[in-house]
Amino acid sequence: MAAVYKSLTGSSTKNATTNGAPAKKNKQRVLILSSRGVTFRQRHLLNDLYALLPHSRKDAKLDTKTKLYQLNELADLYNCNNVLFFEARKGKDLYIWMSKAPNGPTVKCHMQNLHTTSELHFPGNCLRGSRPILSFDATFDSAPHLILIKELLTHVFGVPKGARKTKPFVDHVMGFTLADGKIWIRCFEIRETAVSKAESRTQLAEGMDKQIVAVGEKGETKINLVEIGPRFLLTPIVILESSFGGPVIYENKEFVSPNQIRSELRLSKAGRYNQRAEQQMELKAKKGDLGLRTGKERPNGELEDRVLFA
């Protein structure tokens, strides 16, 4: 039946041309994997992203954290041209590597405030395998490194048409917003609800600015966005020229490592302890000078009874 439909409509994927030239296919495949030491929340987030990206392939955990160039060989083995690698440090910090294998570039980001789909309990839902609409903030076009990050995010999260396990539907939106030097990523469902004639008249009478789309014989439907998760934010750290290596072409000077933040907190606590210890030493010395410390005999003064009435 598919061949008959293509012959009647004249639409063939193999012979599709644009202005005499063959149409360019968007062939993107993403390899998703993590390092050893990820927590259960980080593992659930990885599974949520794997469910949202039907053109991705999930692999086992990588044993090494230093020889990341081995990921290029894995991507070539699984016929993937994008790599999404989750690197866990100390069971607390999570870094994400987005690379365009095998020639690069590579973006390393620090992931914070991650929330999985199961823990958010949002009422929204989308079809498994559907393609998303990528919505980028206008700030991504303001700097060269942001344009590069935007292109890499498009290749990773943009599901190509006709990819494996995809459904011919577009029912959710992935929003990428840049604020405070961080990339906020959220996912929403595109929900359509029928609008009755009474509600339509009320909205027209009150002048409410609602987005209403006519659907022919079915009447009018109201489109709104319902968040489905997951949500997280990324802080760009460094951009490398090649895949998991090469010279640094961008470095975020404002990024502060979480190890340094924890070290400063420990030093501040130690400073408060040292201050209390010094105060106690000064108090003991003061009591010793006054002879008020227990276990230490006070010297006889000139006005003592034992001296006056000796």
C-alpha atoms as a PDB file:
ATOM      1  CA  MET A   1       0.000   0.000   0.000  1.00  0.00           C
ATOM      2  CA  ALA A   2       2.860   2.373   0.694  1.00  0.00           C
ATOM      3  CA  ALA A   3       4.272   1.852  -2.801  1.00  0.00           C
ATOM      4  CA  VAL A   4       0.843   2.491  -4.355  1.00  0.00           C
ATOM      5  CA  TYR A   5       0.456   5.664  -2.294  1.00  0.00           C
ATOM      6  CA  LYS A   6       3.873   6.934  -3.371  1.00  0.00           C
ATOM      7  CA  SER A   7       3.189   6.168  -7.036  1.00  0.00           C
ATOM      8  CA  LEU A   8      -0.137   7.999  -6.923  1.00  0.00           C
ATOM      9  CA  THR A   9       1.087  11.040  -5.008  1.00  0.00           C
ATOM     10  CA  GLY A  10       4.423  11.197  -6.800  1.00  0.00           C
ATOM     11  CA  SER A  11       6.333  11.493  -3.529  1.00  0.00           C
ATOM     12  CA  SER A  12       9.385   9.275  -3.399  1.00  0.00           C
ATOM     13  CA  THR A  13      12.035   9.686  -0.772  1.00  0.00           C
ATOM     14  CA  LYS A  14      14.754   8.378  -3.045  1.00  0.00           C
ATOM     15  CA  ASN A  15      13.991  10.627  -6.002  1.00  0.00           C
ATOM     16  CA  ALA A  16      13.031  13.751  -4.047  1.00  0.00           C
ATOM     17  CA  THR A  17      14.674  16.767  -5.654  1.00  0.00           C
ATOM     18  CA  THR A  18      14.827  20.452  -4.878  1.00  0.00           C
ATOM     19  CA  ASN A  19      15.477  22.750  -7.862  1.00  0.00           C
ATOM     20  CA  GLY A  20      17.019  19.897  -9.808  1.00  0.00           C
ATOM     21  CA  ALA A  21      19.348  18.857  -6.971  1.00  0.00           C
ATOM     22  CA  PRO A  22      18.763  15.860  -4.718  1.00  0.00           C
ATOM     23  CA  ALA A  23      17.240  16.730  -1.352  1.00  0.00           C
ATOM     24  CA  LYS A  24      19.705  16.651   1.525  1.00  0.00           C
ATOM     25  CA  LYS A  25      18.792  14.187   4.252  1.00  0.00           C
ATOM     26  CA  ASN A  26      19.268  15.010   7.900  1.00  0.00           C
ATOM     27  CA  LYS A  27      21.028  11.946   9.240  1.00  0.00           C
ATOM     28  CA  GLN A  28      21.713  12.359  12.931  1.00  0.00           C
ATOM     29  CA  ARG A  29      22.255   9.628  15.497  1.00  0.00           C
ATOM     30  CA  VAL A  30      23.186  10.209  19.119  1.00  0.00           C
ATOM     31  CA  LEU A  31      25.178   7.886  21.370  1.00  0.00           C
ATOM     32  CA  ILE A  32      24.152   8.318  25.028  1.00  0.00           C
ATOM     33  CA  LEU A  33      26.226   6.843  27.830  1.00  0.00           C
ATOM     34  CA  SER A  34      27.587   7.696  31.269  1.00  0.00           C
ATOM     35  CA  SER A  35      30.621   7.086  33.410  1.00  0.00           C
ATOM     36  CA  ARG A  36      30.881   5.041  36.589  1.00  0.00           C
ATOM     37  CA  GLY A  37      29.545   6.574  39.774  1.00  0.00           C
ATOM     38  CA  VAL A  38      26.264   8.116  38.595  1.00  0.00           C
ATOM     39  CA  THR A  39      23.467   8.387  41.161  1.00  0.00           C
ATOM     40  CA  PHE A  40      19.966   7.023  40.698  1.00  0.00           C
ATOM     41  CA  ARG A  41      18.553  10.485  39.812  1.00  0.00           C
ATOM     42  CA  GLN A  42      21.228  11.000  37.175  1.00  0.00           C
ATOM     43  CA  ARG A  43      20.528   7.539  35.761  1.00  0.00           C
ATOM     44  CA  HIS A  44      16.790   8.296  35.600  1.00  0.00           C
ATOM     45  CA  LEU A  45      17.538  11.568  33.786  1.00  0.00           C
ATOM     46  CA  LEU A  46      19.609   9.658  31.227  1.00  0.00           C
ATOM     47  CA  ASN A  47      16.686   7.263  30.671  1.00  0.00           C
ATOM     48  CA  ASP A  48      14.281  10.208  30.229  1.00  0.00           C
ATOM     49  CA  LEU A  49      16.497  11.762  27.563  1.00  0.00           C
ATOM     50  CA  TYR A  50      16.837   8.393  25.836  1.00  0.00           C
ATOM     51  CA  ALA A  51      13.025   8.117  25.731  1.00  0.00           C
ATOM     52  CA  LEU A  52      12.701  11.645  24.306  1.00  0.00           C
ATOM     53  CA  LEU A  53      15.290  11.038  21.572  1.00  0.00           C
ATOM     54  CA  PRO A  54      14.198   8.136  19.343  1.00  0.00           C
ATOM     55  CA  HIS A  55      17.259   8.607  17.119  1.00  0.00           C
ATOM     56  CA  SER A  56      19.597   7.866  20.049  1.00  0.00           C
ATOM     57  CA  ARG A  57      21.355   4.731  21.166  1.00  0.00           C
ATOM     58  CA  LYS A  58      22.229   3.960  24.783  1.00  0.00           C
ATOM     59  CA  ASP A  59      25.418   2.129  25.627  1.00  0.00           C
ATOM     60  CA  ALA A  60      26.951   0.685  28.785  1.00  0.00           C
ATOM     61  CA  LYS A  61      28.930   2.771  31.234  1.00  0.00           C
ATOM     62  CA  LEU A  62      32.413   3.897  30.280  1.00  0.00           C
ATOM     63  CA  ASP A  63      35.089   2.635  32.676  1.00  0.00           C
ATOM     64  CA  THR A  64      37.580   5.470  32.164  1.00  0.00           C
ATOM     65  CA  LYS A  65      37.262   9.220  32.767  1.00  0.00           C
ATOM     66  CA  THR A  66      40.600  10.238  31.266  1.00  0.00           C
ATOM     67  CA  LYS A  67      40.698   8.462  27.886  1.00  0.00           C
ATOM     68  CA  LEU A  68      37.561  10.071  26.476  1.00  0.00           C
ATOM     69  CA  TYR A  69      38.886   9.792  22.931  1.00  0.00           C
ATOM     70  CA  GLN A  70      37.670   6.185  23.059  1.00  0.00           C
ATOM     71  CA  LEU A  71      34.147   7.546  22.660  1.00  0.00           C
ATOM     72  CA  ASN A  72      34.956   8.383  19.038  1.00  0.00           C
ATOM     73  CA  GLU A  73      35.625   4.709  18.360  1.00  0.00           C
ATOM     74  CA  LEU A  74      32.351   3.735  20.058  1.00  0.00           C
ATOM     75  CA  ALA A  75      30.433   6.301  18.010  1.00  0.00           C
ATOM     76  CA  ASP A  76      31.994   4.958  14.820  1.00  0.00           C
ATOM     77  CA  LEU A  77      31.171   1.403  15.906  1.00  0.00           C
ATOM     78  CA  TYR A  78      27.485   2.250  16.431  1.00  0.00           C
ATOM     79  CA  ASN A  79      27.269   4.524  13.372  1.00  0.00           C
ATOM     80  CA  CYS A  80      26.578   7.650  15.464  1.00  0.00           C
ATOM     81  CA  ASN A  81      27.783  11.137  14.624  1.00  0.00           C
ATOM     82  CA  ASN A  82      26.820  12.764  17.963  1.00  0.00           C
ATOM     83  CA  VAL A  83      27.906  11.788  21.480  1.00  0.00           C
ATOM     84  CA  LEU A  84      26.154  12.747  24.732  1.00  0.00           C
ATOM     85  CA  PHE A  85      28.382  11.673  27.619  1.00  0.00           C
ATOM     86  CA  PHE A  86      27.481  12.086  31.322  1.00  0.00           C
ATOM     87  CA  GLU A  87      30.516  12.308  33.589  1.00  0.00           C
ATOM     88  CA  ALA A  88      29.908  11.909  37.341  1.00  0.00           C
ATOM     89  CA  ARG A  89      32.395  13.258  39.867  1.00  0.00           C
ATOM     90  CA  LYS A  90      32.465  12.381  43.591  1.00  0.00           C
ATOM     91  CA  GLY A  91      28.837  11.246  43.486  1.00  0.00           C
ATOM     92  CA  LYS A  92      27.715  14.883  43.624  1.00  0.00           C
ATOM     93  CA  ASP A  93      28.700  16.720  40.444  1.00  0.00           C
ATOM     94  CA  LEU A  94      27.528  15.870  36.936  1.00  0.00           C
ATOM     95  CA  TYR A  95      29.216  17.119  33.779  1.00  0.00           C
ATOM     96  CA  ILE A  96      27.818  16.614  30.303  1.00  0.00           C
ATOM     97  CA  TRP A  97      29.918  16.380  27.155  1.00  0.00           C
ATOM     98  CA  MET A  98      28.286  17.069  23.781  1.00  0.00           C
ATOM     99  CA  SER A  99      30.504  16.196  20.859  1.00  0.00           C
ATOM    100  CA  LYS A 100      30.245  16.001  17.106  1.00  0.00           C
ATOM    101  CA  ALA A 101      32.151  12.820  16.315  1.00  0.00           C
ATOM    102  CA  PRO A 102      34.689  12.289  14.945  1.00  0.00           C
ATOM    103  CA  ASN A 103      36.013  15.773  14.082  1.00  0.00           C
ATOM    104  CA  GLY A 104      34.382  17.949  16.743  1.00  0.00           C
ATOM    105  CA  PRO A 105      33.710  20.402  18.212  1.00  0.00           C
ATOM    106  CA  THR A 106      33.057  19.421  21.832  1.00  0.00           C
ATOM    107  CA  VAL A 107      31.199  21.369  24.531  1.00  0.00           C
ATOM    108  CA  LYS A 108      31.628  20.566  28.222  1.00  0.00           C
ATOM    109  CA  CYS A 109      28.875  21.793  30.566  1.00  0.00           C
ATOM    110  CA  HIS A 110      28.123  21.526  34.256  1.00  0.00           C
ATOM    111  CA  MET A 111      24.604  20.219  34.916  1.00  0.00           C
ATOM    112  CA  GLN A 112      22.634  21.545  37.881  1.00  0.00           C
ATOM    113  CA  ASN A 113      19.075  21.541  39.228  1.00  0.00           C
ATOM    114  CA  LEU A 114      18.159  18.349  37.415  1.00  0.00           C
ATOM    115  CA  HIS A 115      14.648  16.994  37.886  1.00  0.00           C
ATOM    116  CA  THR A 116      13.423  13.798  36.261  1.00  0.00           C
ATOM    117  CA  THR A 117      10.005  13.225  34.767  1.00  0.00           C
ATOM    118  CA  SER A 118       8.875  10.836  37.507  1.00  0.00           C
ATOM    119  CA  GLU A 119       9.648  13.171  40.405  1.00  0.00           C
ATOM    120  CA  LEU A 120       8.003  16.248  38.883  1.00  0.00           C
ATOM    121  CA  HIS A 121       4.528  14.617  38.607  1.00  0.00           C
ATOM    122  CA  PHE A 122       3.389  16.917  35.807  1.00  0.00           C
ATOM    123  CA  PRO A 123       0.040  16.169  34.152  1.00  0.00           C
ATOM    124  CA  GLY A 124       1.452  16.520  30.641  1.00  0.00           C
ATOM    125  CA  ASN A 125       2.386  13.600  28.427  1.00  0.00           C
ATOM    126  CA  CYS A 126       3.639  13.130  24.875  1.00  0.00           C
ATOM    127  CA  LEU A 127       3.723  10.273  22.407  1.00  0.00           C
ATOM    128  CA  ARG A 128       6.806   8.102  22.676  1.00  0.00           C
ATOM    129  CA  GLY A 129       8.893   8.531  19.527  1.00  0.00           C
ATOM    130  CA  SER A 130       7.348  11.804  18.384  1.00  0.00           C
ATOM    131  CA  ARG A 131       9.504  14.640  17.081  1.00  0.00           C
ATOM    132  CA  PRO A 132       9.981  17.840  19.121  1.00  0.00           C
ATOM    133  CA  ILE A 133       9.963  21.506  18.155  1.00  0.00           C
ATOM    134  CA  LEU A 134      13.169  23.190  19.332  1.00  0.00           C
ATOM    135  CA  SER A 135      12.627  26.702  20.678  1.00  0.00           C
ATOM    136  CA  PHE A 136      15.779  28.782  21.221  1.00  0.00           C
ATOM    137  CA  ASP A 137      16.129  32.112  22.944  1.00  0.00           C
ATOM    138  CA  ALA A 138      17.143  35.058  20.749  1.00  0.00           C
ATOM    139  CA  THR A 139      20.239  35.495  22.945  1.00  0.00           C
ATOM    140  CA  PHE A 140      21.830  32.453  21.284  1.00  0.00           C
ATOM    141  CA  ASP A 141      22.533  34.588  18.192  1.00  0.00           C
ATOM    142  CA  SER A 142      24.438  37.269  20.124  1.00  0.00           C
ATOM    143  CA  ALA A 143      27.878  35.600  20.409  1.00  0.00           C
ATOM    144  CA  PRO A 144      29.899  33.145  18.249  1.00  0.00           C
ATOM    145  CA  HIS A 145      30.262  30.525  21.001  1.00  0.00           C
ATOM    146  CA  LEU A 146      26.493  30.639  21.667  1.00  0.00           C
ATOM    147  CA  ILE A 147      25.789  30.102  17.950  1.00  0.00           C
ATOM    148  CA  LEU A 148      28.045  27.028  18.046  1.00  0.00           C
ATOM    149  CA  ILE A 149      26.301  25.686  21.170  1.00  0.00           C
ATOM    150  CA  LYS A 150      22.912  26.271  19.534  1.00  0.00           C
ATOM    151  CA  GLU A 151      23.954  24.310  16.437  1.00  0.00           C
ATOM    152  CA  LEU A 152      25.266  21.435  18.555  1.00  0.00           C
ATOM    153  CA  LEU A 153      22.066  21.333  20.636  1.00  0.00           C
ATOM    154  CA  THR A 154      20.064  21.257  17.399  1.00  0.00           C
ATOM    155  CA  HIS A 155      22.015  18.232  16.167  1.00  0.00           C
ATOM    156  CA  VAL A 156      21.667  16.386  19.479  1.00  0.00           C
ATOM    157  CA  PHE A 157      18.036  17.119  20.445  1.00  0.00           C
ATOM    158  CA  GLY A 158      16.576  17.667  16.974  1.00  0.00           C
ATOM    159  CA  VAL A 159      15.033  14.394  15.832  1.00  0.00           C
ATOM    160  CA  PRO A 160      15.426  14.069  12.032  1.00  0.00           C
ATOM    161  CA  LYS A 161      12.451  13.217   9.903  1.00  0.00           C
ATOM    162  CA  GLY A 162      12.302   9.533   9.032  1.00  0.00           C
ATOM    163  CA  ALA A 163      14.690   8.409  11.760  1.00  0.00           C
ATOM    164  CA  ARG A 164      14.265   4.990  13.281  1.00  0.00           C
ATOM    165  CA  LYS A 165      11.574   4.530  15.954  1.00  0.00           C
ATOM    166  CA  THR A 166      10.064   7.928  15.148  1.00  0.00           C
ATOM    167  CA  LYS A 167       6.367   8.632  14.821  1.00  0.00           C
ATOM    168  CA  PRO A 168       5.025  11.098  12.236  1.00  0.00           C
ATOM    169  CA  PHE A 169       3.773  13.469  14.950  1.00  0.00           C
ATOM    170  CA  VAL A 170       4.985  16.689  16.534  1.00  0.00           C
ATOM    171  CA  ASP A 171       3.373  17.018  19.951  1.00  0.00           C
ATOM    172  CA  HIS A 172       5.983  18.542  22.285  1.00  0.00           C
ATOM    173  CA  VAL A 173       8.370  21.489  22.489  1.00  0.00           C
ATOM    174  CA  MET A 174      11.867  21.664  23.961  1.00  0.00           C
ATOM    175  CA  GLY A 175      12.725  25.149  25.166  1.00  0.00           C
ATOM    176  CA  PHE A 176      16.318  26.426  25.477  1.00  0.00           C
ATOM    177  CA  THR A 177      16.571  29.700  27.389  1.00  0.00           C
ATOM    178  CA  LEU A 178      19.770  31.569  28.224  1.00  0.00           C
ATOM    179  CA  ALA A 179      19.758  33.449  31.541  1.00  0.00           C
ATOM    180  CA  ASP A 180      22.532  34.304  34.033  1.00  0.00           C
ATOM    181  CA  GLY A 181      25.079  32.597  31.787  1.00  0.00           C
ATOM    182  CA  LYS A 182      23.234  29.270  32.052  1.00  0.00           C
ATOM    183  CA  ILE A 183      21.118  27.317  29.572  1.00  0.00           C
ATOM    184  CA  TRP A 184      17.709  26.375  31.005  1.00  0.00           C
ATOM    185  CA  ILE A 185      16.170  23.338  29.267  1.00  0.00           C
ATOM    186  CA  ARG A 186      12.514  22.410  29.711  1.00  0.00           C
ATOM    187  CA  CYS A 187      10.085  20.199  27.818  1.00  0.00           C
ATOM    188  CA  PHE A 188       6.399  20.953  27.189  1.00  0.00           C
ATOM    189  CA  GLU A 189       3.489  19.094  25.652  1.00  0.00           C
ATOM    190  CA  ILE A 190       1.420  20.825  22.964  1.00  0.00           C
ATOM    191  CA  ARG A 191      -2.115  20.289  24.205  1.00  0.00           C
ATOM    192  CA  GLU A 192      -5.220  21.093  22.182  1.00  0.00           C
ATOM    193  CA  THR A 193      -8.553  21.499  23.935  1.00  0.00           C
ATOM    194  CA  ALA A 194     -11.873  22.037  22.247  1.00  0.00           C
ATOM    195  CA  VAL A 195     -13.495  25.438  22.716  1.00  0.00           C
ATOM    196  CA  SER A 196     -17.253  25.632  22.917  1.00  0.00           C
ATOM    197  CA  LYS A 197     -19.197  28.332  21.136  1.00  0.00           C
ATOM    198  CA  ALA A 198     -20.138  29.960  24.449  1.00  0.00           C
ATOM    199  CA  GLU A 199     -16.483  30.218  25.500  1.00  0.00           C
ATOM    200  CA  SER A 200     -15.520  31.600  22.101  1.00  0.00           C
ATOM    201  CA  ARG A 201     -18.192  34.304  22.347  1.00  0.00           C
ATOM    202  CA  THR A 202     -17.106  35.158  25.900  1.00  0.00           C
ATOM    203  CA  GLN A 203     -13.475  35.519  24.866  1.00  0.00           C
ATOM    204  CA  LEU A 204     -14.397  37.702  21.898  1.00  0.00           C
ATOM    205  CA  ALA A 205     -16.620  39.870  24.104  1.00  0.00           C
ATOM    206  CA  GLU A 206     -13.953  40.292  26.788  1.00  0.00           C
ATOM    207  CA  GLY A 207     -11.165  40.795  24.257  1.00  0.00           C
ATOM    208  CA  MET A 208      -8.973  38.081  25.755  1.00  0.00           C
ATOM    209  CA  ASP A 209      -5.800  37.308  23.887  1.00  0.00           C
ATOM    210  CA  LYS A 210      -6.074  33.536  23.493  1.00  0.00           C
ATOM    211  CA  GLN A 211      -4.451  31.448  20.829  1.00  0.00           C
ATOM    212  CA  ILE A 212      -7.315  29.692  19.040  1.00  0.00           C
ATOM    213  CA  VAL A 213      -6.860  27.595  15.925  1.00  0.00           C
ATOM    214  CA  ALA A 214      -9.729  26.589  13.671  1.00  0.00           C
ATOM    215  CA  VAL A 215      -9.904  22.878  12.875  1.00  0.00           C
ATOM    216  CA  GLY A 216     -12.548  22.840  10.182  1.00  0.00           C
ATOM    217  CA  GLU A 217     -15.669  20.826  11.002  1.00  0.00           C
ATOM    218  CA  LYS A 218     -14.488  20.009  14.526  1.00  0.00           C
ATOM    219  CA  GLY A 219     -14.735  23.628  15.555  1.00  0.00           C
ATOM    220  CA  GLU A 220     -12.082  25.634  17.333  1.00  0.00           C
ATOM    221  CA  THR A 221      -9.318  24.326  19.581  1.00  0.00           C
ATOM    222  CA  LYS A 222      -7.250  26.177  22.142  1.00  0.00           C
ATOM    223  CA  ILE A 223      -3.532  25.400  22.185  1.00  0.00           C
ATOM    224  CA  ASN A 224      -1.539  25.635  25.396  1.00  0.00           C
ATOM    225  CA  LEU A 225       1.717  24.205  26.744  1.00  0.00           C
ATOM    226  CA  VAL A 226       1.879  21.754  29.649  1.00  0.00           C
ATOM    227  CA  GLU A 227       5.274  20.860  31.098  1.00  0.00           C
ATOM    228  CA  ILE A 228       6.158  17.179  31.094  1.00  0.00           C
ATOM    229  CA  GLY A 229       9.818  17.203  32.192  1.00  0.00           C
ATOM    230  CA  PRO A 230      12.645  16.599  32.564  1.00  0.00           C
ATOM    231  CA  ARG A 231      14.143  19.970  33.425  1.00  0.00           C
ATOM    232  CA  PHE A 232      17.761  20.939  34.094  1.00  0.00           C
ATOM    233  CA  LEU A 233      20.225  23.730  33.431  1.00  0.00           C
ATOM    234  CA  LEU A 234      23.665  23.683  31.834  1.00  0.00           C
ATOM    235  CA  THR A 235      26.619  25.981  32.506  1.00  0.00           C
ATOM    236  CA  PRO A 236      29.082  26.006  29.572  1.00  0.00           C
ATOM    237  CA  ILE A 237      32.652  25.508  30.766  1.00  0.00           C
ATOM    238  CA  VAL A 238      34.851  24.969  27.745  1.00  0.00           C
ATOM    239  CA  ILE A 239      34.611  24.353  23.994  1.00  0.00           C
ATOM    240  CA  LEU A 240      37.237  22.157  22.308  1.00  0.00           C
ATOM    241  CA  GLU A 241      38.018  22.270  18.624  1.00  0.00           C
ATOM    242  CA  SER A 242      38.032  18.513  17.978  1.00  0.00           C
ATOM    243  CA  SER A 243      36.078  15.629  19.440  1.00  0.00           C
ATOM    244  CA  PHE A 244      37.083  15.140  23.121  1.00  0.00           C
ATOM    245  CA  GLY A 245      40.394  16.885  22.578  1.00  0.00           C
ATOM    246  CA  GLY A 246      42.256  19.549  20.702  1.00  0.00           C
ATOM    247  CA  PRO A 247      42.854  23.231  21.457  1.00  0.00           C
ATOM    248  CA  VAL A 248      40.459  25.269  23.552  1.00  0.00           C
ATOM    249  CA  ILE A 249      38.493  27.748  21.443  1.00  0.00           C
ATOM    250  CA  TYR A 250      36.323  29.101  24.279  1.00  0.00           C
ATOM    251  CA  GLU A 251      36.579  29.095  28.082  1.00  0.00           C
ATOM    252  CA  ASN A 252      34.070  30.437  30.554  1.00  0.00           C
ATOM    253  CA  LYS A 253      36.064  32.646  32.940  1.00  0.00           C
ATOM    254  CA  GLU A 254      33.080  33.156  35.248  1.00  0.00           C
ATOM    255  CA  PHE A 255      32.599  29.462  36.000  1.00  0.00           C
ATOM    256  CA  VAL A 256      33.481  28.443  39.561  1.00  0.00           C
ATOM    257  CA  SER A 257      34.145  24.771  40.180  1.00  0.00           C
ATOM    258  CA  PRO A 258      31.889  23.115  42.781  1.00  0.00           C
ATOM    259  CA  ASN A 259      35.041  21.727  44.431  1.00  0.00           C
ATOM    260  CA  GLN A 260      36.259  25.279  45.024  1.00  0.00           C
ATOM    261  CA  ILE A 261      32.869  26.291  46.441  1.00  0.00           C
ATOM    262  CA  ARG A 262      32.920  23.374  48.886  1.00  0.00           C
ATOM    263  CA  SER A 263      36.534  24.188  49.833  1.00  0.00           C
ATOM    264  CA  GLU A 264      35.629  27.797  50.600  1.00  0.00           C
ATOM    265  CA  LEU A 265      32.716  26.632  52.749  1.00  0.00           C
ATOM    266  CA  ARG A 266      35.012  24.334  54.720  1.00  0.00           C
ATOM    267  CA  LEU A 267      37.549  27.152  55.166  1.00  0.00           C
ATOM    268  CA  SER A 268      34.836  29.500  56.415  1.00  0.00           C
ATOM    269  CA  LYS A 269      33.711  26.907  58.969  1.00  0.00           C
ATOM    270  CA  ALA A 270      37.330  26.354  60.006  1.00  0.00           C
ATOM    271  CA  GLY A 271      37.800  30.116  60.356  1.00  0.00           C
ATOM    272  CA  ARG A 272      34.833  30.354  62.714  1.00  0.00           C
ATOM    273  CA  TYR A 273      36.229  27.485  64.794  1.00  0.00           C
ATOM    274  CA  ASN A 274      39.679  29.112  64.982  1.00  0.00           C
ATOM    275  CA  GLN A 275      38.103  32.394  66.067  1.00  0.00           C
ATOM    276  CA  ARG A 276      36.232  30.671  68.900  1.00  0.00           C
ATOM    277  CA  ALA A 277      39.412  28.847  69.962  1.00  0.00           C
ATOM    278  CA  GLU A 278      41.353  32.140  70.094  1.00  0.00           C
ATOM    279  CA  GLN A 279      38.624  33.753  72.181  1.00  0.00           C
ATOM    280  CA  GLN A 280      38.762  30.865  74.654  1.00  0.00           C
ATOM    281  CA  MET A 281      42.564  31.184  74.903  1.00  0.00           C
ATOM    282  CA  GLU A 282      42.314  34.929  75.538  1.00  0.00           C
ATOM    283  CA  LEU A 283      39.671  34.325  78.230  1.00  0.00           C
ATOM    284  CA  LYS A 284      41.873  31.746  79.967  1.00  0.00           C
ATOM    285  CA  ALA A 285      44.847  34.103  79.882  1.00  0.00           C
ATOM    286  CA  LYS A 286      42.736  36.914  81.344  1.00  0.00           C
ATOM    287  CA  LYS A 287      41.478  34.681  84.147  1.00  0.00           C
ATOM    288  CA  GLY A 288      45.014  33.530  84.835  1.00  0.00           C
ATOM    289  CA  ASP A 289      46.234  37.116  85.201  1.00  0.00           C
ATOM    290  CA  LEU A 290      43.410  37.851  87.638  1.00  0.00           C
ATOM    291  CA  GLY A 291      43.966  34.655  89.550  1.00  0.00           C
ATOM    292  CA  LEU A 292      40.465  33.424  88.895  1.00  0.00           C
ATOM    293  CA  ARG A 293      41.400  30.114  87.397  1.00  0.00           C
ATOM    294  CA  THR A 294      40.779  27.073  89.579  1.00  0.00           C
ATOM    295  CA  GLY A 295      43.797  25.069  90.678  1.00  0.00           C
ATOM    296  CA  LYS A 296      46.134  28.043  90.625  1.00  0.00           C
ATOM    297  CA  GLU A 297      47.124  29.890  93.852  1.00  0.00           C
ATOM    298  CA  ARG A 298      46.756  33.636  93.828  1.00  0.00           C
ATOM    299  CA  PRO A 299      49.802  35.591  95.116  1.00  0.00           C
ATOM    300  CA  ASN A 300      49.390  37.423  98.470  1.00  0.00           C
ATOM    301  CA  GLY A 301      48.659  41.131  97.988  1.00  0.00           C
ATOM    302  CA  GLU A 302      49.536  43.980 100.371  1.00  0.00           C
ATOM    303  CA  LEU A 303      45.923  44.361 101.515  1.00  0.00           C
ATOM    304  CA  GLU A 304      45.365  40.711 102.328  1.00  0.00           C
ATOM    305  CA  ASP A 305      44.224  39.877 105.871  1.00  0.00           C
ATOM    306  CA  ARG A 306      47.087  37.504 106.379  1.00  0.00           C
ATOM    307  CA  VAL A 307      49.540  40.294 105.503  1.00  0.00           C
ATOM    308  CA  LEU A 308      47.891  43.130 107.507  1.00  0.00           C
ATOM    309  CA  PHE A 309      47.262  41.130 110.683  1.00  0.00           C
ATOM    310  CA  ALA A 310      50.332  38.946 110.586  1.00  0.00           C
END
